[in-house]
Amino acid sequence: MQSYSAANFSMSNDYQSLSLFISALMVFPPVYLNVLEGICRTDRRLLEMARVFRVPLGRRLRGIYLPQVMPYFRTAVSLGLGLCWKAGAAAEIIGLPAGSMGERLYTAKVYFQTADLFAWTVTIVAVSVAFERLFLALVDRLMGKAGL
């Protein structure tokens, strides 16, 4: 039986999945740490009041923790999306999956195609900015629907 570790994953021929895996690894720490900070900064008096009045866990999560954590989560998502695109592009440049932006960027660099190099760089930046704005608008809309 073969075990699947990060080393085995990186040795696979599926370089497209590798760039997604590396991007996820880069995004996890800031999201985790920001959400943890939001949880730690929860008002202790509200938690004590919820304990005294025996507020169920579901209502505590929705009424106390979620409003406290969401600003931290939104900041983490904004930071994480930037890191995700940078790490994904770097992973594609290293892994060179066929037809990817990273492959095109690397090819332009190797063959000194300066115009193509700048064009692919601007494309990657523009796509990342558009995706970040779209994703943050979605998060804001979900926060608005949840009443946060």
N, C-alpha and C. Protein backbone atom coordinates (compact mmCIF):
# COMPACT_ATOMS: atom_id res chain seq x y z
N MET A 1 0.85 -1.17 0.00
CA MET A 1 0.00 0.00 0.00
C MET A 1 0.89 1.23 0.00
N GLN A 2 0.58 2.17 -0.88
CA GLN A 2 1.37 3.38 -0.99
C GLN A 2 0.75 4.48 -0.13
N SER A 3 1.60 5.14 0.65
CA SER A 3 1.09 6.25 1.46
C SER A 3 1.22 7.54 0.66
N TYR A 4 0.26 8.43 0.87
CA TYR A 4 0.26 9.71 0.16
C TYR A 4 0.66 10.82 1.11
N SER A 5 1.88 11.26 0.96
CA SER A 5 2.38 12.36 1.77
C SER A 5 2.64 13.54 0.85
N ALA A 6 3.10 14.64 1.41
CA ALA A 6 3.42 15.82 0.61
C ALA A 6 4.53 15.51 -0.38
N ALA A 7 5.49 14.65 0.02
CA ALA A 7 6.59 14.29 -0.88
C ALA A 7 6.06 13.49 -2.06
N ASN A 8 5.18 12.53 -1.81
CA ASN A 8 4.60 11.76 -2.90
C ASN A 8 3.73 12.64 -3.79
N PHE A 9 3.03 13.55 -3.18
CA PHE A 9 2.16 14.45 -3.93
C PHE A 9 2.98 15.32 -4.87
N SER A 10 4.11 15.82 -4.38
CA SER A 10 4.94 16.69 -5.20
C SER A 10 5.64 15.92 -6.31
N MET A 11 5.79 14.62 -6.17
CA MET A 11 6.45 13.82 -7.19
C MET A 11 5.49 13.37 -8.28
N SER A 12 4.21 13.62 -8.09
CA SER A 12 3.24 13.17 -9.08
C SER A 12 3.36 14.01 -10.35
N ASN A 13 2.77 13.52 -11.41
CA ASN A 13 2.79 14.24 -12.68
C ASN A 13 1.69 15.27 -12.78
N ASP A 14 0.86 15.37 -11.80
CA ASP A 14 -0.26 16.29 -11.83
C ASP A 14 0.17 17.64 -11.25
N TYR A 15 0.89 18.42 -12.06
CA TYR A 15 1.44 19.67 -11.59
C TYR A 15 0.37 20.73 -11.36
N GLN A 16 -0.77 20.60 -12.04
CA GLN A 16 -1.87 21.54 -11.81
C GLN A 16 -2.37 21.41 -10.38
N SER A 17 -2.50 20.19 -9.90
CA SER A 17 -2.93 19.97 -8.52
C SER A 17 -1.86 20.43 -7.54
N LEU A 18 -0.62 20.32 -7.94
CA LEU A 18 0.47 20.76 -7.07
C LEU A 18 0.38 22.26 -6.81
N SER A 19 0.09 23.04 -7.84
CA SER A 19 -0.01 24.49 -7.63
C SER A 19 -1.19 24.83 -6.72
N LEU A 20 -2.29 24.07 -6.84
CA LEU A 20 -3.43 24.29 -5.93
C LEU A 20 -3.06 23.91 -4.50
N PHE A 21 -2.33 22.82 -4.34
CA PHE A 21 -1.90 22.37 -3.02
C PHE A 21 -0.97 23.40 -2.37
N ILE A 22 -0.02 23.91 -3.13
CA ILE A 22 0.91 24.91 -2.59
C ILE A 22 0.17 26.20 -2.24
N SER A 23 -0.79 26.59 -3.08
CA SER A 23 -1.58 27.79 -2.78
C SER A 23 -2.36 27.61 -1.49
N ALA A 24 -2.95 26.44 -1.30
CA ALA A 24 -3.70 26.17 -0.07
C ALA A 24 -2.77 26.19 1.14
N LEU A 25 -1.57 25.66 0.99
CA LEU A 25 -0.61 25.70 2.11
C LEU A 25 -0.24 27.13 2.48
N MET A 26 -0.16 28.00 1.49
CA MET A 26 0.20 29.39 1.76
C MET A 26 -0.95 30.16 2.40
N VAL A 27 -2.18 29.80 2.08
CA VAL A 27 -3.34 30.53 2.58
C VAL A 27 -3.72 30.09 3.99
N PHE A 28 -3.51 28.84 4.32
CA PHE A 28 -3.98 28.31 5.61
C PHE A 28 -3.46 29.09 6.83
N PRO A 29 -2.15 29.35 6.98
CA PRO A 29 -1.69 30.02 8.21
C PRO A 29 -2.32 31.38 8.48
N PRO A 30 -2.37 32.31 7.50
CA PRO A 30 -2.99 33.60 7.85
C PRO A 30 -4.47 33.49 8.17
N VAL A 31 -5.19 32.61 7.46
CA VAL A 31 -6.62 32.46 7.75
C VAL A 31 -6.80 31.87 9.14
N TYR A 32 -6.06 30.83 9.44
CA TYR A 32 -6.16 30.18 10.76
C TYR A 32 -5.81 31.15 11.88
N LEU A 33 -4.69 31.86 11.73
CA LEU A 33 -4.25 32.76 12.80
C LEU A 33 -5.20 33.95 12.98
N ASN A 34 -5.73 34.49 11.89
CA ASN A 34 -6.67 35.61 12.03
C ASN A 34 -7.98 35.16 12.66
N VAL A 35 -8.50 34.01 12.26
CA VAL A 35 -9.74 33.52 12.87
C VAL A 35 -9.51 33.20 14.34
N LEU A 36 -8.37 32.62 14.66
CA LEU A 36 -8.04 32.34 16.05
C LEU A 36 -7.96 33.63 16.87
N GLU A 37 -7.37 34.66 16.29
CA GLU A 37 -7.29 35.96 16.97
C GLU A 37 -8.68 36.52 17.20
N GLY A 38 -9.56 36.38 16.22
CA GLY A 38 -10.94 36.84 16.39
C GLY A 38 -11.65 36.11 17.51
N ILE A 39 -11.42 34.81 17.61
CA ILE A 39 -12.02 34.02 18.69
C ILE A 39 -11.47 34.45 20.04
N CYS A 40 -10.15 34.67 20.10
CA CYS A 40 -9.53 35.08 21.36
C CYS A 40 -9.97 36.46 21.82
N ARG A 41 -10.34 37.32 20.88
CA ARG A 41 -10.76 38.69 21.22
C ARG A 41 -12.26 38.81 21.49
N THR A 42 -12.94 37.69 21.60
CA THR A 42 -14.36 37.72 21.89
C THR A 42 -14.58 38.29 23.28
N ASP A 43 -15.57 39.14 23.42
CA ASP A 43 -15.88 39.79 24.68
C ASP A 43 -16.23 38.75 25.75
N ARG A 44 -15.44 38.70 26.78
CA ARG A 44 -15.64 37.70 27.85
C ARG A 44 -16.95 37.93 28.61
N ARG A 45 -17.38 39.19 28.70
CA ARG A 45 -18.63 39.47 29.40
C ARG A 45 -19.83 38.88 28.65
N LEU A 46 -19.77 38.94 27.31
CA LEU A 46 -20.85 38.32 26.52
C LEU A 46 -20.85 36.80 26.71
N LEU A 47 -19.67 36.22 26.74
CA LEU A 47 -19.59 34.77 26.94
C LEU A 47 -20.10 34.38 28.32
N GLU A 48 -19.78 35.21 29.33
CA GLU A 48 -20.26 34.93 30.68
C GLU A 48 -21.78 35.07 30.75
N MET A 49 -22.32 36.10 30.10
CA MET A 49 -23.76 36.27 30.08
C MET A 49 -24.43 35.08 29.39
N ALA A 50 -23.85 34.61 28.29
CA ALA A 50 -24.41 33.46 27.58
C ALA A 50 -24.37 32.21 28.46
N ARG A 51 -23.30 32.08 29.24
CA ARG A 51 -23.19 30.92 30.14
C ARG A 51 -24.22 31.02 31.26
N VAL A 52 -24.39 32.22 31.83
CA VAL A 52 -25.34 32.41 32.93
C VAL A 52 -26.77 32.13 32.46
N PHE A 53 -27.12 32.60 31.28
CA PHE A 53 -28.47 32.40 30.76
C PHE A 53 -28.63 31.10 29.97
N ARG A 54 -27.59 30.29 29.99
CA ARG A 54 -27.60 28.97 29.34
C ARG A 54 -28.04 29.04 27.87
N VAL A 55 -27.39 29.95 27.15
CA VAL A 55 -27.66 30.11 25.72
C VAL A 55 -27.07 28.89 25.00
N PRO A 56 -27.86 28.25 24.14
CA PRO A 56 -27.35 27.07 23.43
C PRO A 56 -26.13 27.41 22.56
N LEU A 57 -25.33 26.41 22.30
CA LEU A 57 -24.08 26.60 21.55
C LEU A 57 -24.33 27.21 20.18
N GLY A 58 -25.35 26.76 19.48
CA GLY A 58 -25.65 27.29 18.15
C GLY A 58 -25.93 28.78 18.17
N ARG A 59 -26.68 29.22 19.14
CA ARG A 59 -26.98 30.66 19.26
C ARG A 59 -25.74 31.44 19.68
N ARG A 60 -24.91 30.84 20.54
CA ARG A 60 -23.65 31.50 20.92
C ARG A 60 -22.74 31.67 19.71
N LEU A 61 -22.66 30.62 18.89
CA LEU A 61 -21.81 30.69 17.70
C LEU A 61 -22.31 31.78 16.74
N ARG A 62 -23.61 31.79 16.50
CA ARG A 62 -24.19 32.74 15.55
C ARG A 62 -24.27 34.17 16.12
N GLY A 63 -24.55 34.31 17.39
CA GLY A 63 -24.78 35.62 17.97
C GLY A 63 -23.56 36.28 18.59
N ILE A 64 -22.58 35.49 19.01
CA ILE A 64 -21.41 36.07 19.68
C ILE A 64 -20.14 35.86 18.87
N TYR A 65 -19.82 34.60 18.57
CA TYR A 65 -18.56 34.31 17.90
C TYR A 65 -18.52 34.77 16.45
N LEU A 66 -19.56 34.48 15.68
CA LEU A 66 -19.56 34.83 14.26
C LEU A 66 -19.41 36.33 14.02
N PRO A 67 -20.17 37.21 14.71
CA PRO A 67 -19.95 38.64 14.49
C PRO A 67 -18.55 39.09 14.90
N GLN A 68 -17.97 38.44 15.88
CA GLN A 68 -16.63 38.81 16.32
C GLN A 68 -15.56 38.35 15.34
N VAL A 69 -15.74 37.18 14.75
CA VAL A 69 -14.71 36.57 13.91
C VAL A 69 -14.76 37.10 12.47
N MET A 70 -15.92 37.49 11.98
CA MET A 70 -16.05 37.85 10.56
C MET A 70 -15.13 38.96 10.09
N PRO A 71 -14.89 40.04 10.83
CA PRO A 71 -13.93 41.04 10.35
C PRO A 71 -12.51 40.47 10.23
N TYR A 72 -12.14 39.61 11.16
CA TYR A 72 -10.83 38.96 11.09
C TYR A 72 -10.77 38.01 9.90
N PHE A 73 -11.87 37.30 9.65
CA PHE A 73 -11.93 36.37 8.52
C PHE A 73 -11.84 37.13 7.20
N ARG A 74 -12.54 38.25 7.10
CA ARG A 74 -12.50 39.02 5.86
C ARG A 74 -11.09 39.54 5.58
N THR A 75 -10.41 40.01 6.61
CA THR A 75 -9.03 40.45 6.46
C THR A 75 -8.14 39.29 6.03
N ALA A 76 -8.35 38.14 6.65
CA ALA A 76 -7.56 36.95 6.30
C ALA A 76 -7.80 36.53 4.87
N VAL A 77 -9.05 36.62 4.42
CA VAL A 77 -9.37 36.24 3.04
C VAL A 77 -8.68 37.19 2.06
N SER A 78 -8.70 38.47 2.36
CA SER A 78 -8.04 39.45 1.50
C SER A 78 -6.54 39.18 1.41
N LEU A 79 -5.92 38.96 2.53
CA LEU A 79 -4.49 38.65 2.57
C LEU A 79 -4.21 37.30 1.90
N GLY A 80 -5.02 36.32 2.21
CA GLY A 80 -4.82 34.98 1.68
C GLY A 80 -4.96 34.90 0.18
N LEU A 81 -5.89 35.66 -0.40
CA LEU A 81 -6.06 35.63 -1.85
C LEU A 81 -4.83 36.16 -2.56
N GLY A 82 -4.23 37.21 -2.02
CA GLY A 82 -2.99 37.73 -2.61
C GLY A 82 -1.87 36.70 -2.54
N LEU A 83 -1.73 36.06 -1.39
CA LEU A 83 -0.71 35.02 -1.24
C LEU A 83 -0.99 33.83 -2.14
N CYS A 84 -2.26 33.51 -2.28
CA CYS A 84 -2.66 32.37 -3.10
C CYS A 84 -2.24 32.56 -4.55
N TRP A 85 -2.50 33.73 -5.10
CA TRP A 85 -2.14 33.97 -6.49
C TRP A 85 -0.63 33.99 -6.68
N LYS A 86 0.10 34.58 -5.75
CA LYS A 86 1.56 34.60 -5.87
C LYS A 86 2.13 33.19 -5.79
N ALA A 87 1.66 32.43 -4.81
CA ALA A 87 2.16 31.06 -4.65
C ALA A 87 1.75 30.18 -5.82
N GLY A 88 0.53 30.36 -6.32
CA GLY A 88 0.08 29.58 -7.46
C GLY A 88 0.89 29.86 -8.71
N ALA A 89 1.16 31.13 -8.95
CA ALA A 89 1.98 31.49 -10.12
C ALA A 89 3.40 30.94 -9.97
N ALA A 90 3.96 31.06 -8.78
CA ALA A 90 5.31 30.53 -8.55
C ALA A 90 5.34 29.01 -8.72
N ALA A 91 4.33 28.33 -8.24
CA ALA A 91 4.27 26.87 -8.38
C ALA A 91 4.13 26.47 -9.84
N GLU A 92 3.35 27.25 -10.61
CA GLU A 92 3.22 26.95 -12.03
C GLU A 92 4.52 27.21 -12.77
N ILE A 93 5.26 28.22 -12.36
CA ILE A 93 6.54 28.50 -13.00
C ILE A 93 7.52 27.36 -12.72
N ILE A 94 7.48 26.81 -11.51
CA ILE A 94 8.38 25.71 -11.15
C ILE A 94 7.92 24.39 -11.79
N GLY A 95 6.61 24.10 -11.70
CA GLY A 95 6.09 22.83 -12.20
C GLY A 95 5.83 22.81 -13.69
N LEU A 96 5.60 23.97 -14.29
CA LEU A 96 5.33 24.13 -15.71
C LEU A 96 4.23 23.22 -16.26
N PRO A 97 3.02 23.28 -15.68
CA PRO A 97 1.93 22.51 -16.29
C PRO A 97 1.59 23.10 -17.66
N ALA A 98 1.32 22.23 -18.61
CA ALA A 98 1.09 22.66 -19.99
C ALA A 98 -0.10 23.62 -20.09
N GLY A 99 0.12 24.73 -20.78
CA GLY A 99 -0.94 25.69 -21.03
C GLY A 99 -1.26 26.64 -19.89
N SER A 100 -0.49 26.62 -18.83
CA SER A 100 -0.77 27.48 -17.68
C SER A 100 -0.15 28.85 -17.86
N MET A 101 -0.62 29.80 -17.07
CA MET A 101 -0.05 31.14 -17.10
C MET A 101 1.41 31.10 -16.65
N GLY A 102 1.70 30.26 -15.68
CA GLY A 102 3.07 30.13 -15.20
C GLY A 102 4.01 29.63 -16.28
N GLU A 103 3.54 28.68 -17.07
CA GLU A 103 4.37 28.17 -18.17
C GLU A 103 4.63 29.27 -19.19
N ARG A 104 3.59 30.03 -19.52
CA ARG A 104 3.75 31.12 -20.50
C ARG A 104 4.69 32.20 -19.97
N LEU A 105 4.58 32.49 -18.69
CA LEU A 105 5.46 33.48 -18.07
C LEU A 105 6.91 33.00 -18.10
N TYR A 106 7.12 31.74 -17.76
CA TYR A 106 8.47 31.17 -17.75
C TYR A 106 9.05 31.14 -19.16
N THR A 107 8.26 30.75 -20.13
CA THR A 107 8.74 30.70 -21.52
C THR A 107 9.14 32.09 -22.00
N ALA A 108 8.35 33.09 -21.67
CA ALA A 108 8.67 34.47 -22.05
C ALA A 108 9.97 34.92 -21.40
N LYS A 109 10.19 34.49 -20.17
CA LYS A 109 11.42 34.86 -19.45
C LYS A 109 12.64 34.19 -20.09
N VAL A 110 12.52 32.92 -20.37
CA VAL A 110 13.66 32.15 -20.91
C VAL A 110 14.07 32.67 -22.28
N TYR A 111 13.10 33.01 -23.11
CA TYR A 111 13.40 33.44 -24.48
C TYR A 111 13.50 34.96 -24.62
N PHE A 112 13.61 35.65 -23.50
CA PHE A 112 13.77 37.11 -23.48
C PHE A 112 12.68 37.83 -24.28
N GLN A 113 11.47 37.35 -24.16
CA GLN A 113 10.33 37.99 -24.81
C GLN A 113 9.73 38.99 -23.81
N THR A 114 10.36 40.15 -23.72
CA THR A 114 10.03 41.14 -22.70
C THR A 114 8.57 41.58 -22.78
N ALA A 115 8.08 41.82 -23.98
CA ALA A 115 6.69 42.26 -24.12
C ALA A 115 5.74 41.18 -23.59
N ASP A 116 5.99 39.93 -23.93
CA ASP A 116 5.15 38.83 -23.44
C ASP A 116 5.27 38.68 -21.93
N LEU A 117 6.49 38.84 -21.42
CA LEU A 117 6.72 38.74 -19.97
C LEU A 117 5.89 39.78 -19.22
N PHE A 118 5.93 41.03 -19.68
CA PHE A 118 5.14 42.07 -19.04
C PHE A 118 3.65 41.83 -19.23
N ALA A 119 3.26 41.38 -20.41
CA ALA A 119 1.85 41.12 -20.67
C ALA A 119 1.31 40.02 -19.75
N TRP A 120 2.05 38.93 -19.56
CA TRP A 120 1.60 37.86 -18.68
C TRP A 120 1.60 38.31 -17.22
N THR A 121 2.59 39.13 -16.85
CA THR A 121 2.63 39.64 -15.48
C THR A 121 1.41 40.52 -15.21
N VAL A 122 1.10 41.41 -16.14
CA VAL A 122 -0.07 42.29 -15.98
C VAL A 122 -1.35 41.46 -15.96
N THR A 123 -1.41 40.43 -16.79
CA THR A 123 -2.58 39.55 -16.82
C THR A 123 -2.79 38.86 -15.49
N ILE A 124 -1.72 38.32 -14.93
CA ILE A 124 -1.82 37.63 -13.64
C ILE A 124 -2.27 38.60 -12.55
N VAL A 125 -1.69 39.80 -12.54
CA VAL A 125 -2.07 40.79 -11.53
C VAL A 125 -3.53 41.21 -11.72
N ALA A 126 -3.94 41.44 -12.96
CA ALA A 126 -5.32 41.88 -13.22
C ALA A 126 -6.33 40.79 -12.83
N VAL A 127 -6.03 39.56 -13.17
CA VAL A 127 -6.94 38.46 -12.82
C VAL A 127 -7.01 38.30 -11.30
N SER A 128 -5.87 38.43 -10.62
CA SER A 128 -5.87 38.28 -9.16
C SER A 128 -6.66 39.40 -8.49
N VAL A 129 -6.52 40.63 -8.98
CA VAL A 129 -7.27 41.75 -8.41
C VAL A 129 -8.76 41.58 -8.65
N ALA A 130 -9.13 41.18 -9.87
CA ALA A 130 -10.55 40.98 -10.18
C ALA A 130 -11.14 39.86 -9.34
N PHE A 131 -10.40 38.76 -9.21
CA PHE A 131 -10.89 37.63 -8.41
C PHE A 131 -11.03 38.02 -6.95
N GLU A 132 -10.06 38.77 -6.43
CA GLU A 132 -10.12 39.20 -5.03
C GLU A 132 -11.33 40.09 -4.79
N ARG A 133 -11.57 41.04 -5.67
CA ARG A 133 -12.73 41.93 -5.50
C ARG A 133 -14.04 41.16 -5.59
N LEU A 134 -14.11 40.23 -6.52
CA LEU A 134 -15.31 39.42 -6.68
C LEU A 134 -15.55 38.56 -5.44
N PHE A 135 -14.50 37.92 -4.95
CA PHE A 135 -14.63 37.05 -3.78
C PHE A 135 -14.98 37.84 -2.53
N LEU A 136 -14.35 39.01 -2.36
CA LEU A 136 -14.67 39.84 -1.18
C LEU A 136 -16.08 40.39 -1.27
N ALA A 137 -16.56 40.70 -2.47
CA ALA A 137 -17.95 41.14 -2.62
C ALA A 137 -18.90 40.01 -2.22
N LEU A 138 -18.55 38.78 -2.58
CA LEU A 138 -19.35 37.62 -2.19
C LEU A 138 -19.35 37.45 -0.67
N VAL A 139 -18.19 37.59 -0.04
CA VAL A 139 -18.10 37.48 1.42
C VAL A 139 -18.92 38.59 2.08
N ASP A 140 -18.81 39.81 1.56
CA ASP A 140 -19.59 40.94 2.11
C ASP A 140 -21.09 40.70 1.96
N ARG A 141 -21.50 40.16 0.81
CA ARG A 141 -22.92 39.87 0.60
C ARG A 141 -23.39 38.80 1.57
N LEU A 142 -22.60 37.76 1.78
CA LEU A 142 -22.97 36.72 2.74
C LEU A 142 -23.03 37.27 4.16
N MET A 143 -22.10 38.17 4.49
CA MET A 143 -22.13 38.80 5.82
C MET A 143 -23.39 39.65 5.97
N GLY A 144 -23.77 40.35 4.90
CA GLY A 144 -24.97 41.18 4.95
C GLY A 144 -26.22 40.34 5.11
N LYS A 145 -26.29 39.20 4.42
CA LYS A 145 -27.44 38.31 4.55
C LYS A 145 -27.52 37.70 5.94
N ALA A 146 -26.34 37.48 6.55
CA ALA A 146 -26.32 36.92 7.89
C ALA A 146 -26.56 37.99 8.96
N GLY A 147 -26.63 39.24 8.54
CA GLY A 147 -26.87 40.34 9.48
C GLY A 147 -25.65 40.71 10.29
N LEU A 148 -24.49 40.56 9.70
CA LEU A 148 -23.24 40.88 10.42
C LEU A 148 -22.68 42.19 9.95
